[in-house]
Amino acid sequence: MNRERRKVATGETVYGEGDPFQYLHAIRSGTLKSSLALPG
């Protein structure tokens, strides 16, 4: 299943809050950050 690979550049969004859930993302290399939107 892991044949489709995706390269993301620094600062690029992997998925956004509210985006449809289709994939789990296995990290082959690099570092990601997740965040939640708060009031204000």
All heavy atoms as atom14 arrays in JSON, in Angstrom:
{
  "sequence": "MNRERRKVATGETVYGEGDPFQYLHAIRSGTLKSSLALPG",
  "atom14_mask": [
    [1, 1, 1, 1, 1, 1, 1, 1, 0, 0, 0, 0, 0, 0],
    [1, 1, 1, 1, 1, 1, 1, 1, 0, 0, 0, 0, 0, 0],
    [1, 1, 1, 1, 1, 1, 1, 1, 1, 1, 1, 0, 0, 0],
    [1, 1, 1, 1, 1, 1, 1, 1, 1, 0, 0, 0, 0, 0],
    [1, 1, 1, 1, 1, 1, 1, 1, 1, 1, 1, 0, 0, 0],
    [1, 1, 1, 1, 1, 1, 1, 1, 1, 1, 1, 0, 0, 0],
    [1, 1, 1, 1, 1, 1, 1, 1, 1, 0, 0, 0, 0, 0],
    [1, 1, 1, 1, 1, 1, 1, 0, 0, 0, 0, 0, 0, 0],
    [1, 1, 1, 1, 1, 0, 0, 0, 0, 0, 0, 0, 0, 0],
    [1, 1, 1, 1, 1, 1, 1, 0, 0, 0, 0, 0, 0, 0],
    [1, 1, 1, 1, 0, 0, 0, 0, 0, 0, 0, 0, 0, 0],
    [1, 1, 1, 1, 1, 1, 1, 1, 1, 0, 0, 0, 0, 0],
    [1, 1, 1, 1, 1, 1, 1, 0, 0, 0, 0, 0, 0, 0],
    [1, 1, 1, 1, 1, 1, 1, 0, 0, 0, 0, 0, 0, 0],
    [1, 1, 1, 1, 1, 1, 1, 1, 1, 1, 1, 1, 0, 0],
    [1, 1, 1, 1, 0, 0, 0, 0, 0, 0, 0, 0, 0, 0],
    [1, 1, 1, 1, 1, 1, 1, 1, 1, 0, 0, 0, 0, 0],
    [1, 1, 1, 1, 0, 0, 0, 0, 0, 0, 0, 0, 0, 0],
    [1, 1, 1, 1, 1, 1, 1, 1, 0, 0, 0, 0, 0, 0],
    [1, 1, 1, 1, 1, 1, 1, 0, 0, 0, 0, 0, 0, 0],
    [1, 1, 1, 1, 1, 1, 1, 1, 1, 1, 1, 0, 0, 0],
    [1, 1, 1, 1, 1, 1, 1, 1, 1, 0, 0, 0, 0, 0],
    [1, 1, 1, 1, 1, 1, 1, 1, 1, 1, 1, 1, 0, 0],
    [1, 1, 1, 1, 1, 1, 1, 1, 0, 0, 0, 0, 0, 0],
    [1, 1, 1, 1, 1, 1, 1, 1, 1, 1, 0, 0, 0, 0],
    [1, 1, 1, 1, 1, 0, 0, 0, 0, 0, 0, 0, 0, 0],
    [1, 1, 1, 1, 1, 1, 1, 1, 0, 0, 0, 0, 0, 0],
    [1, 1, 1, 1, 1, 1, 1, 1, 1, 1, 1, 0, 0, 0],
    [1, 1, 1, 1, 1, 1, 0, 0, 0, 0, 0, 0, 0, 0],
    [1, 1, 1, 1, 0, 0, 0, 0, 0, 0, 0, 0, 0, 0],
    [1, 1, 1, 1, 1, 1, 1, 0, 0, 0, 0, 0, 0, 0],
    [1, 1, 1, 1, 1, 1, 1, 1, 0, 0, 0, 0, 0, 0],
    [1, 1, 1, 1, 1, 1, 1, 1, 1, 0, 0, 0, 0, 0],
    [1, 1, 1, 1, 1, 1, 0, 0, 0, 0, 0, 0, 0, 0],
    [1, 1, 1, 1, 1, 1, 0, 0, 0, 0, 0, 0, 0, 0],
    [1, 1, 1, 1, 1, 1, 1, 1, 0, 0, 0, 0, 0, 0],
    [1, 1, 1, 1, 1, 0, 0, 0, 0, 0, 0, 0, 0, 0],
    [1, 1, 1, 1, 1, 1, 1, 1, 0, 0, 0, 0, 0, 0],
    [1, 1, 1, 1, 1, 1, 1, 0, 0, 0, 0, 0, 0, 0],
    [1, 1, 1, 1, 0, 0, 0, 0, 0, 0, 0, 0, 0, 0]
  ],
  "atom14_positions": [
    [[0.82, -1.22, 0.0], [0.0, 0.0, 0.0], [0.85, 1.26, 0.0], [0.36, 2.34, -0.26], [-0.93, 0.01, 1.22], [-2.06, -0.99, 1.12], [-3.26, -0.76, 2.45], [-2.31, -1.31, 3.85], [0.0, 0.0, 0.0], [0.0, 0.0, 0.0], [0.0, 0.0, 0.0], [0.0, 0.0, 0.0], [0.0, 0.0, 0.0], [0.0, 0.0, 0.0]],
    [[2.12, 1.14, 0.33], [2.98, 2.31, 0.5], [3.65, 2.75, -0.8], [4.67, 3.41, -0.77], [4.07, 2.01, 1.54], [3.56, 2.14, 2.95], [2.43, 2.52, 3.16], [4.39, 1.8, 3.91], [0.0, 0.0, 0.0], [0.0, 0.0, 0.0], [0.0, 0.0, 0.0], [0.0, 0.0, 0.0], [0.0, 0.0, 0.0], [0.0, 0.0, 0.0]],
    [[3.07, 2.4, -1.94], [3.71, 2.74, -3.21], [3.6, 4.24, -3.51], [4.44, 4.8, -4.18], [3.12, 1.92, -4.35], [3.36, 0.43, -4.18], [2.87, -0.35, -5.39], [3.01, -1.78, -5.18], [4.15, -2.46, -5.33], [5.24, -1.81, -5.68], [4.19, -3.75, -5.15], [0.0, 0.0, 0.0], [0.0, 0.0, 0.0], [0.0, 0.0, 0.0]],
    [[2.53, 4.87, -3.02], [2.36, 6.3, -3.28], [3.13, 7.09, -2.24], [2.85, 7.03, -1.05], [0.88, 6.68, -3.23], [0.65, 8.15, -3.61], [-0.81, 8.52, -3.68], [-1.66, 7.63, -3.52], [-1.09, 9.71, -3.89], [0.0, 0.0, 0.0], [0.0, 0.0, 0.0], [0.0, 0.0, 0.0], [0.0, 0.0, 0.0], [0.0, 0.0, 0.0]],
    [[4.12, 7.82, -2.68], [4.93, 8.62, -1.78], [4.71, 10.1, -2.08], [4.38, 10.48, -3.2], [6.42, 8.27, -1.92], [6.73, 6.82, -1.53], [8.2, 6.53, -1.58], [8.48, 5.16, -1.23], [9.71, 4.62, -1.21], [10.76, 5.38, -1.52], [9.88, 3.36, -0.88], [0.0, 0.0, 0.0], [0.0, 0.0, 0.0], [0.0, 0.0, 0.0]],
    [[4.92, 10.89, -1.05], [4.71, 12.33, -1.2], [5.87, 13.07, -0.54], [6.22, 12.79, 0.6], [3.39, 12.74, -0.54], [3.11, 14.22, -0.58], [1.85, 14.58, 0.17], [1.65, 16.02, 0.24], [0.72, 16.61, 0.96], [-0.13, 15.87, 1.68], [0.61, 17.93, 0.97], [0.0, 0.0, 0.0], [0.0, 0.0, 0.0], [0.0, 0.0, 0.0]],
    [[6.44, 13.99, -1.27], [7.46, 14.86, -0.72], [6.84, 16.19, -0.34], [6.08, 16.76, -1.14], [8.6, 15.06, -1.71], [9.41, 13.79, -1.97], [10.6, 14.05, -2.88], [11.42, 12.77, -3.06], [12.61, 13.01, -3.94], [0.0, 0.0, 0.0], [0.0, 0.0, 0.0], [0.0, 0.0, 0.0], [0.0, 0.0, 0.0], [0.0, 0.0, 0.0]],
    [[7.13, 16.66, 0.86], [6.6, 17.94, 1.32], [7.78, 18.84, 1.72], [8.71, 18.39, 2.38], [5.61, 17.77, 2.5], [4.32, 17.17, 2.03], [6.21, 16.92, 3.61], [0.0, 0.0, 0.0], [0.0, 0.0, 0.0], [0.0, 0.0, 0.0], [0.0, 0.0, 0.0], [0.0, 0.0, 0.0], [0.0, 0.0, 0.0], [0.0, 0.0, 0.0]],
    [[7.71, 20.07, 1.3], [8.78, 21.02, 1.61], [8.55, 21.65, 2.98], [7.45, 21.59, 3.54], [8.83, 22.11, 0.54], [0.0, 0.0, 0.0], [0.0, 0.0, 0.0], [0.0, 0.0, 0.0], [0.0, 0.0, 0.0], [0.0, 0.0, 0.0], [0.0, 0.0, 0.0], [0.0, 0.0, 0.0], [0.0, 0.0, 0.0], [0.0, 0.0, 0.0]],
    [[9.59, 22.25, 3.52], [9.48, 22.94, 4.81], [8.34, 23.95, 4.79], [8.23, 24.77, 3.88], [10.8, 23.67, 5.12], [11.88, 22.75, 5.09], [10.74, 24.35, 6.48], [0.0, 0.0, 0.0], [0.0, 0.0, 0.0], [0.0, 0.0, 0.0], [0.0, 0.0, 0.0], [0.0, 0.0, 0.0], [0.0, 0.0, 0.0], [0.0, 0.0, 0.0]],
    [[7.45, 23.83, 5.78], [6.31, 24.74, 5.87], [5.09, 24.31, 5.09], [4.02, 24.92, 5.24], [0.0, 0.0, 0.0], [0.0, 0.0, 0.0], [0.0, 0.0, 0.0], [0.0, 0.0, 0.0], [0.0, 0.0, 0.0], [0.0, 0.0, 0.0], [0.0, 0.0, 0.0], [0.0, 0.0, 0.0], [0.0, 0.0, 0.0], [0.0, 0.0, 0.0]],
    [[5.21, 23.27, 4.28], [4.08, 22.81, 3.48], [3.09, 22.02, 4.34], [3.49, 21.25, 5.21], [4.56, 21.95, 2.32], [3.47, 21.53, 1.35], [4.0, 20.73, 0.18], [5.24, 20.71, -0.01], [3.19, 20.12, -0.53], [0.0, 0.0, 0.0], [0.0, 0.0, 0.0], [0.0, 0.0, 0.0], [0.0, 0.0, 0.0], [0.0, 0.0, 0.0]],
    [[1.8, 22.18, 4.07], [0.76, 21.48, 4.81], [0.59, 20.06, 4.3], [0.45, 19.84, 3.09], [-0.58, 22.23, 4.69], [-0.44, 23.53, 5.26], [-1.69, 21.49, 5.43], [0.0, 0.0, 0.0], [0.0, 0.0, 0.0], [0.0, 0.0, 0.0], [0.0, 0.0, 0.0], [0.0, 0.0, 0.0], [0.0, 0.0, 0.0], [0.0, 0.0, 0.0]],
    [[0.59, 19.1, 5.22], [0.32, 17.7, 4.88], [-1.19, 17.5, 4.79], [-1.71, 16.94, 3.82], [0.93, 16.75, 5.92], [0.59, 15.3, 5.61], [2.45, 16.93, 5.99], [0.0, 0.0, 0.0], [0.0, 0.0, 0.0], [0.0, 0.0, 0.0], [0.0, 0.0, 0.0], [0.0, 0.0, 0.0], [0.0, 0.0, 0.0], [0.0, 0.0, 0.0]],
    [[-1.92, 17.94, 5.8], [-3.38, 18.0, 5.78], [-3.81, 19.1, 6.73], [-3.12, 19.41, 7.7], [-4.04, 16.67, 6.14], [-3.55, 16.04, 7.43], [-4.02, 16.47, 8.67], [-2.64, 15.01, 7.39], [-3.58, 15.88, 9.84], [-2.18, 14.42, 8.56], [-2.65, 14.85, 9.77], [-2.21, 14.28, 10.94], [0.0, 0.0, 0.0], [0.0, 0.0, 0.0]],
    [[-4.95, 19.71, 6.43], [-5.44, 20.82, 7.23], [-6.58, 20.39, 8.13], [-7.2, 19.34, 7.93], [0.0, 0.0, 0.0], [0.0, 0.0, 0.0], [0.0, 0.0, 0.0], [0.0, 0.0, 0.0], [0.0, 0.0, 0.0], [0.0, 0.0, 0.0], [0.0, 0.0, 0.0], [0.0, 0.0, 0.0], [0.0, 0.0, 0.0], [0.0, 0.0, 0.0]],
    [[-6.86, 21.21, 9.12], [-7.98, 20.94, 10.01], [-9.28, 20.97, 9.22], [-9.56, 21.91, 8.48], [-8.01, 21.99, 11.13], [-9.05, 21.73, 12.19], [-8.95, 22.71, 13.35], [-7.91, 23.41, 13.44], [-9.9, 22.77, 14.14], [0.0, 0.0, 0.0], [0.0, 0.0, 0.0], [0.0, 0.0, 0.0], [0.0, 0.0, 0.0], [0.0, 0.0, 0.0]],
    [[-10.07, 19.91, 9.34], [-11.32, 19.8, 8.61], [-11.21, 19.12, 7.26], [-12.23, 18.85, 6.61], [0.0, 0.0, 0.0], [0.0, 0.0, 0.0], [0.0, 0.0, 0.0], [0.0, 0.0, 0.0], [0.0, 0.0, 0.0], [0.0, 0.0, 0.0], [0.0, 0.0, 0.0], [0.0, 0.0, 0.0], [0.0, 0.0, 0.0], [0.0, 0.0, 0.0]],
    [[-9.98, 18.82, 6.81], [-9.81, 18.11, 5.54], [-10.36, 16.69, 5.63], [-10.27, 16.06, 6.69], [-8.33, 18.05, 5.16], [-7.8, 19.37, 4.62], [-8.61, 20.31, 4.46], [-6.59, 19.46, 4.37], [0.0, 0.0, 0.0], [0.0, 0.0, 0.0], [0.0, 0.0, 0.0], [0.0, 0.0, 0.0], [0.0, 0.0, 0.0], [0.0, 0.0, 0.0]],
    [[-10.9, 16.16, 4.53], [-11.39, 14.78, 4.54], [-10.27, 13.8, 4.9], [-9.12, 13.98, 4.47], [-11.86, 14.56, 3.1], [-12.15, 15.92, 2.58], [-11.15, 16.83, 3.24], [0.0, 0.0, 0.0], [0.0, 0.0, 0.0], [0.0, 0.0, 0.0], [0.0, 0.0, 0.0], [0.0, 0.0, 0.0], [0.0, 0.0, 0.0], [0.0, 0.0, 0.0]],
    [[-10.6, 12.8, 5.7], [-9.64, 11.78, 6.12], [-9.62, 10.66, 5.09], [-10.63, 9.97, 4.9], [-10.03, 11.24, 7.5], [-9.24, 10.04, 7.93], [-7.87, 10.08, 7.98], [-9.9, 8.87, 8.29], [-7.13, 8.97, 8.39], [-9.17, 7.75, 8.71], [-7.79, 7.8, 8.75], [0.0, 0.0, 0.0], [0.0, 0.0, 0.0], [0.0, 0.0, 0.0]],
    [[-8.48, 10.49, 4.44], [-8.32, 9.43, 3.46], [-7.13, 8.53, 3.76], [-7.18, 7.33, 3.49], [-8.14, 10.03, 2.05], [-9.36, 10.78, 1.54], [-9.08, 11.4, 0.19], [-8.26, 12.32, 0.05], [-9.75, 10.88, -0.83], [0.0, 0.0, 0.0], [0.0, 0.0, 0.0], [0.0, 0.0, 0.0], [0.0, 0.0, 0.0], [0.0, 0.0, 0.0]],
    [[-6.07, 9.12, 4.28], [-4.82, 8.39, 4.43], [-4.27, 8.5, 5.85], [-4.47, 9.5, 6.53], [-3.74, 8.95, 3.5], [-4.09, 8.94, 2.03], [-4.58, 10.09, 1.41], [-3.91, 7.8, 1.27], [-4.89, 10.1, 0.06], [-4.22, 7.8, -0.09], [-4.7, 8.95, -0.68], [-5.01, 8.95, -2.02], [0.0, 0.0, 0.0], [0.0, 0.0, 0.0]],
    [[-3.54, 7.48, 6.25], [-2.54, 7.62, 7.29], [-1.23, 7.91, 6.59], [-1.0, 7.47, 5.45], [-2.42, 6.32, 8.11], [-3.64, 5.95, 8.95], [-3.42, 4.61, 9.64], [-3.97, 7.02, 9.98], [0.0, 0.0, 0.0], [0.0, 0.0, 0.0], [0.0, 0.0, 0.0], [0.0, 0.0, 0.0], [0.0, 0.0, 0.0], [0.0, 0.0, 0.0]],
    [[-0.36, 8.67, 7.23], [0.89, 9.09, 6.62], [2.07, 8.52, 7.42], [2.26, 8.91, 8.58], [0.99, 10.61, 6.57], [-0.08, 11.27, 5.76], [-1.38, 11.41, 6.22], [-0.07, 11.81, 4.51], [-2.1, 12.01, 5.3], [-1.34, 12.27, 4.26], [0.0, 0.0, 0.0], [0.0, 0.0, 0.0], [0.0, 0.0, 0.0], [0.0, 0.0, 0.0]],
    [[2.81, 7.62, 6.81], [4.02, 7.07, 7.44], [5.2, 7.95, 7.04], [5.45, 8.17, 5.85], [4.24, 5.63, 7.0], [0.0, 0.0, 0.0], [0.0, 0.0, 0.0], [0.0, 0.0, 0.0], [0.0, 0.0, 0.0], [0.0, 0.0, 0.0], [0.0, 0.0, 0.0], [0.0, 0.0, 0.0], [0.0, 0.0, 0.0], [0.0, 0.0, 0.0]],
    [[5.93, 8.45, 8.03], [7.03, 9.38, 7.77], [8.3, 8.59, 7.45], [8.82, 7.86, 8.29], [7.28, 10.29, 8.98], [5.98, 10.99, 9.4], [8.36, 11.32, 8.66], [6.09, 11.75, 10.7], [0.0, 0.0, 0.0], [0.0, 0.0, 0.0], [0.0, 0.0, 0.0], [0.0, 0.0, 0.0], [0.0, 0.0, 0.0], [0.0, 0.0, 0.0]],
    [[8.77, 8.7, 6.23], [10.03, 8.04, 5.82], [11.24, 8.88, 6.23], [12.27, 8.34, 6.63], [10.04, 7.82, 4.31], [9.09, 6.73, 3.83], [9.16, 6.57, 2.33], [10.52, 6.35, 1.85], [11.1, 5.16, 1.81], [10.46, 4.09, 2.23], [12.33, 5.03, 1.34], [0.0, 0.0, 0.0], [0.0, 0.0, 0.0], [0.0, 0.0, 0.0]],
    [[11.11, 10.19, 6.11], [12.21, 11.08, 6.51], [11.62, 12.44, 6.84], [10.56, 12.81, 6.34], [13.26, 11.21, 5.4], [12.69, 11.79, 4.24], [0.0, 0.0, 0.0], [0.0, 0.0, 0.0], [0.0, 0.0, 0.0], [0.0, 0.0, 0.0], [0.0, 0.0, 0.0], [0.0, 0.0, 0.0], [0.0, 0.0, 0.0], [0.0, 0.0, 0.0]],
    [[12.33, 13.18, 7.7], [11.88, 14.52, 8.03], [11.15, 14.61, 9.36], [11.1, 13.65, 10.14], [0.0, 0.0, 0.0], [0.0, 0.0, 0.0], [0.0, 0.0, 0.0], [0.0, 0.0, 0.0], [0.0, 0.0, 0.0], [0.0, 0.0, 0.0], [0.0, 0.0, 0.0], [0.0, 0.0, 0.0], [0.0, 0.0, 0.0], [0.0, 0.0, 0.0]],
    [[10.56, 15.77, 9.61], [9.86, 16.05, 10.87], [8.59, 16.83, 10.57], [8.6, 17.77, 9.77], [10.75, 16.89, 11.81], [12.02, 16.26, 11.95], [10.11, 17.02, 13.2], [0.0, 0.0, 0.0], [0.0, 0.0, 0.0], [0.0, 0.0, 0.0], [0.0, 0.0, 0.0], [0.0, 0.0, 0.0], [0.0, 0.0, 0.0], [0.0, 0.0, 0.0]],
    [[7.49, 16.46, 11.24], [6.21, 17.14, 11.08], [5.75, 17.72, 12.41], [6.19, 17.29, 13.47], [5.13, 16.16, 10.58], [5.43, 15.34, 9.32], [4.23, 14.46, 8.98], [5.81, 16.23, 8.15], [0.0, 0.0, 0.0], [0.0, 0.0, 0.0], [0.0, 0.0, 0.0], [0.0, 0.0, 0.0], [0.0, 0.0, 0.0], [0.0, 0.0, 0.0]],
    [[4.85, 18.7, 12.31], [4.24, 19.32, 13.5], [2.73, 19.33, 13.31], [2.23, 19.72, 12.26], [4.74, 20.74, 13.67], [4.08, 21.52, 14.82], [4.45, 23.0, 14.78], [3.77, 23.74, 13.63], [4.02, 25.2, 13.66], [0.0, 0.0, 0.0], [0.0, 0.0, 0.0], [0.0, 0.0, 0.0], [0.0, 0.0, 0.0], [0.0, 0.0, 0.0]],
    [[1.99, 18.91, 14.35], [0.54, 19.0, 14.35], [0.08, 20.1, 15.29], [0.72, 20.34, 16.32], [-0.09, 17.66, 14.78], [0.21, 16.64, 13.85], [0.0, 0.0, 0.0], [0.0, 0.0, 0.0], [0.0, 0.0, 0.0], [0.0, 0.0, 0.0], [0.0, 0.0, 0.0], [0.0, 0.0, 0.0], [0.0, 0.0, 0.0], [0.0, 0.0, 0.0]],
    [[-1.01, 20.77, 14.95], [-1.52, 21.85, 15.81], [-3.04, 21.91, 15.73], [-3.66, 21.45, 14.75], [-0.92, 23.19, 15.4], [-1.25, 23.5, 14.06], [0.0, 0.0, 0.0], [0.0, 0.0, 0.0], [0.0, 0.0, 0.0], [0.0, 0.0, 0.0], [0.0, 0.0, 0.0], [0.0, 0.0, 0.0], [0.0, 0.0, 0.0], [0.0, 0.0, 0.0]],
    [[-3.63, 22.49, 16.77], [-5.07, 22.65, 16.87], [-5.41, 24.14, 16.89], [-4.68, 24.94, 17.49], [-5.6, 21.99, 18.14], [-5.37, 20.49, 18.28], [-5.66, 20.04, 19.71], [-6.24, 19.72, 17.3], [0.0, 0.0, 0.0], [0.0, 0.0, 0.0], [0.0, 0.0, 0.0], [0.0, 0.0, 0.0], [0.0, 0.0, 0.0], [0.0, 0.0, 0.0]],
    [[-6.52, 24.51, 16.26], [-6.98, 25.9, 16.29], [-7.75, 26.16, 17.57], [-8.61, 25.37, 17.96], [-7.85, 26.17, 15.07], [0.0, 0.0, 0.0], [0.0, 0.0, 0.0], [0.0, 0.0, 0.0], [0.0, 0.0, 0.0], [0.0, 0.0, 0.0], [0.0, 0.0, 0.0], [0.0, 0.0, 0.0], [0.0, 0.0, 0.0], [0.0, 0.0, 0.0]],
    [[-7.43, 27.27, 18.25], [-8.09, 27.66, 19.49], [-8.92, 28.92, 19.25], [-8.72, 29.63, 18.25], [-7.04, 27.91, 20.58], [-6.14, 26.74, 20.96], [-5.14, 27.18, 22.01], [-6.95, 25.55, 21.43], [0.0, 0.0, 0.0], [0.0, 0.0, 0.0], [0.0, 0.0, 0.0], [0.0, 0.0, 0.0], [0.0, 0.0, 0.0], [0.0, 0.0, 0.0]],
    [[-9.84, 29.23, 20.16], [-10.61, 30.48, 20.02], [-9.7, 31.69, 19.94], [-8.63, 31.73, 20.57], [-11.45, 30.5, 21.3], [-11.59, 29.07, 21.69], [-10.29, 28.42, 21.32], [0.0, 0.0, 0.0], [0.0, 0.0, 0.0], [0.0, 0.0, 0.0], [0.0, 0.0, 0.0], [0.0, 0.0, 0.0], [0.0, 0.0, 0.0], [0.0, 0.0, 0.0]],
    [[-10.1, 32.67, 19.17], [-9.31, 33.88, 19.03], [-8.21, 33.79, 17.99], [-7.36, 34.68, 17.9], [0.0, 0.0, 0.0], [0.0, 0.0, 0.0], [0.0, 0.0, 0.0], [0.0, 0.0, 0.0], [0.0, 0.0, 0.0], [0.0, 0.0, 0.0], [0.0, 0.0, 0.0], [0.0, 0.0, 0.0], [0.0, 0.0, 0.0], [0.0, 0.0, 0.0]]
  ]
}
